[in-house]
Amino acid sequence: MQGCRLLMLTCKDASQLMSQSFDRRLGLFEKAGLHFHLVICHSCKIAYRQLDFMHQLCKQIAAGSEDITSMQPGLSAEAQERILKELRRKQDEKSASGD
């Protein structure tokens, strides 16, 4: 993706950049294009907030934190606990299978 094209991202392009932004530092045009897209696209803004929440949650779990309630940008404590329980169950399954 180059220059001006980055300032007019499709939702598909934006979702790829959203995902990549958690793995690497985005370039100036990528960051500007994503920011512009998130300003005008409500659906992608919501998706980015959800991705960011899950990313932060996974980081807390990996760090061994049991208190995820302080992170809630909109999820109830019960929903957060259900997510945490399911992530632990998946992790236990993966450990049991030897992966």
Protein backbone atom coordinates (compact mmCIF):
# COMPACT_ATOMS: atom_id res chain seq x y z
CA MET A 1 0.00 0.00 0.00
CA GLN A 2 1.40 3.36 -0.98
CA GLY A 3 0.81 7.06 -0.23
CA CYS A 4 -2.66 8.34 -1.10
CA ARG A 5 -4.14 4.86 -1.38
CA LEU A 6 -3.49 4.41 2.33
CA LEU A 7 -5.65 7.40 3.13
CA MET A 8 -8.66 5.69 1.51
CA LEU A 9 -8.62 2.23 3.02
CA THR A 10 -11.32 -0.35 2.56
CA CYS A 11 -12.58 -2.05 5.70
CA LYS A 12 -10.62 -5.14 4.66
CA ASP A 13 -7.39 -3.12 4.37
CA ALA A 14 -8.12 -1.42 7.69
CA SER A 15 -8.71 -4.75 9.45
CA GLN A 16 -5.37 -6.05 8.18
CA LEU A 17 -3.60 -2.95 9.47
CA MET A 18 -5.45 -3.20 12.79
CA SER A 19 -4.16 -6.72 13.24
CA GLN A 20 -0.65 -5.83 12.13
CA SER A 21 -0.55 -2.86 14.51
CA PHE A 22 -0.40 -5.29 17.44
CA ASP A 23 2.57 -7.13 15.92
CA ARG A 24 4.68 -4.34 14.46
CA ARG A 25 5.03 -0.59 14.32
CA LEU A 26 2.98 0.80 11.45
CA GLY A 27 4.58 3.21 9.00
CA LEU A 28 3.53 6.85 8.89
CA PHE A 29 1.13 6.45 5.94
CA GLU A 30 -0.27 3.20 7.32
CA LYS A 31 -0.93 4.79 10.71
CA ALA A 32 -2.49 7.91 9.15
CA GLY A 33 -4.67 5.86 6.82
CA LEU A 34 -5.87 3.61 9.63
CA HIS A 35 -6.57 6.59 11.88
CA PHE A 36 -8.55 8.34 9.11
CA HIS A 37 -10.52 5.16 8.39
CA LEU A 38 -11.35 4.67 12.08
CA VAL A 39 -12.63 8.25 12.27
CA ILE A 40 -15.12 7.68 9.45
CA CYS A 41 -16.02 3.99 9.91
CA HIS A 42 -17.94 3.22 13.09
CA SER A 43 -17.87 -0.55 12.52
CA CYS A 44 -14.09 -0.65 12.20
CA LYS A 45 -13.71 1.61 15.24
CA ILE A 46 -15.71 -0.90 17.28
CA ALA A 47 -13.70 -3.81 15.85
CA TYR A 48 -10.43 -2.05 16.73
CA ARG A 49 -11.58 -1.44 20.30
CA GLN A 50 -12.49 -5.12 20.61
CA LEU A 51 -9.12 -6.22 19.21
CA ASP A 52 -7.31 -3.85 21.54
CA PHE A 53 -9.27 -5.14 24.52
CA MET A 54 -8.50 -8.76 23.66
CA HIS A 55 -4.84 -7.91 23.11
CA GLN A 56 -4.60 -6.21 26.51
CA LEU A 57 -6.50 -9.07 28.15
CA CYS A 58 -4.16 -11.67 26.68
CA LYS A 59 -1.15 -9.66 27.85
CA GLN A 60 -2.55 -9.60 31.38
CA ILE A 61 -3.26 -13.32 31.33
CA ALA A 62 0.25 -14.05 30.03
CA ALA A 63 1.66 -11.91 32.84
CA GLY A 64 -0.28 -14.01 35.35
CA SER A 65 -2.74 -11.33 36.40
CA GLU A 66 -5.97 -12.58 37.91
CA ASP A 67 -7.63 -9.15 38.03
CA ILE A 68 -9.10 -8.36 34.65
CA THR A 69 -11.98 -6.31 36.01
CA SER A 70 -9.90 -3.13 35.95
CA MET A 71 -9.69 -3.35 32.15
CA GLN A 72 -13.36 -3.21 31.36
CA PRO A 73 -14.05 -0.59 28.69
CA GLY A 74 -17.62 -1.79 28.42
CA LEU A 75 -17.80 -5.44 29.40
CA SER A 76 -19.44 -6.44 32.64
CA ALA A 77 -17.38 -8.25 35.27
CA GLU A 78 -19.39 -11.39 34.50
CA ALA A 79 -18.58 -11.21 30.78
CA GLN A 80 -14.91 -10.66 31.55
CA GLU A 81 -14.90 -13.67 33.87
CA ARG A 82 -16.56 -15.84 31.20
CA ILE A 83 -13.89 -14.78 28.71
CA LEU A 84 -11.11 -15.47 31.19
CA LYS A 85 -12.58 -18.88 32.07
CA GLU A 86 -12.84 -19.84 28.38
CA LEU A 87 -9.29 -18.68 27.63
CA ARG A 88 -7.99 -20.74 30.56
CA ARG A 89 -9.98 -23.77 29.37
CA LYS A 90 -8.48 -23.42 25.88
CA GLN A 91 -5.00 -23.03 27.37
CA ASP A 92 -5.51 -26.16 29.50
CA GLU A 93 -6.70 -28.12 26.45
CA LYS A 94 -3.68 -27.01 24.50
CA SER A 95 -1.34 -27.96 27.35
CA ALA A 96 -2.99 -31.36 27.73
CA SER A 97 -2.61 -32.09 24.02
CA GLY A 98 1.12 -31.33 24.19
CA ASP A 99 1.14 -28.38 21.75
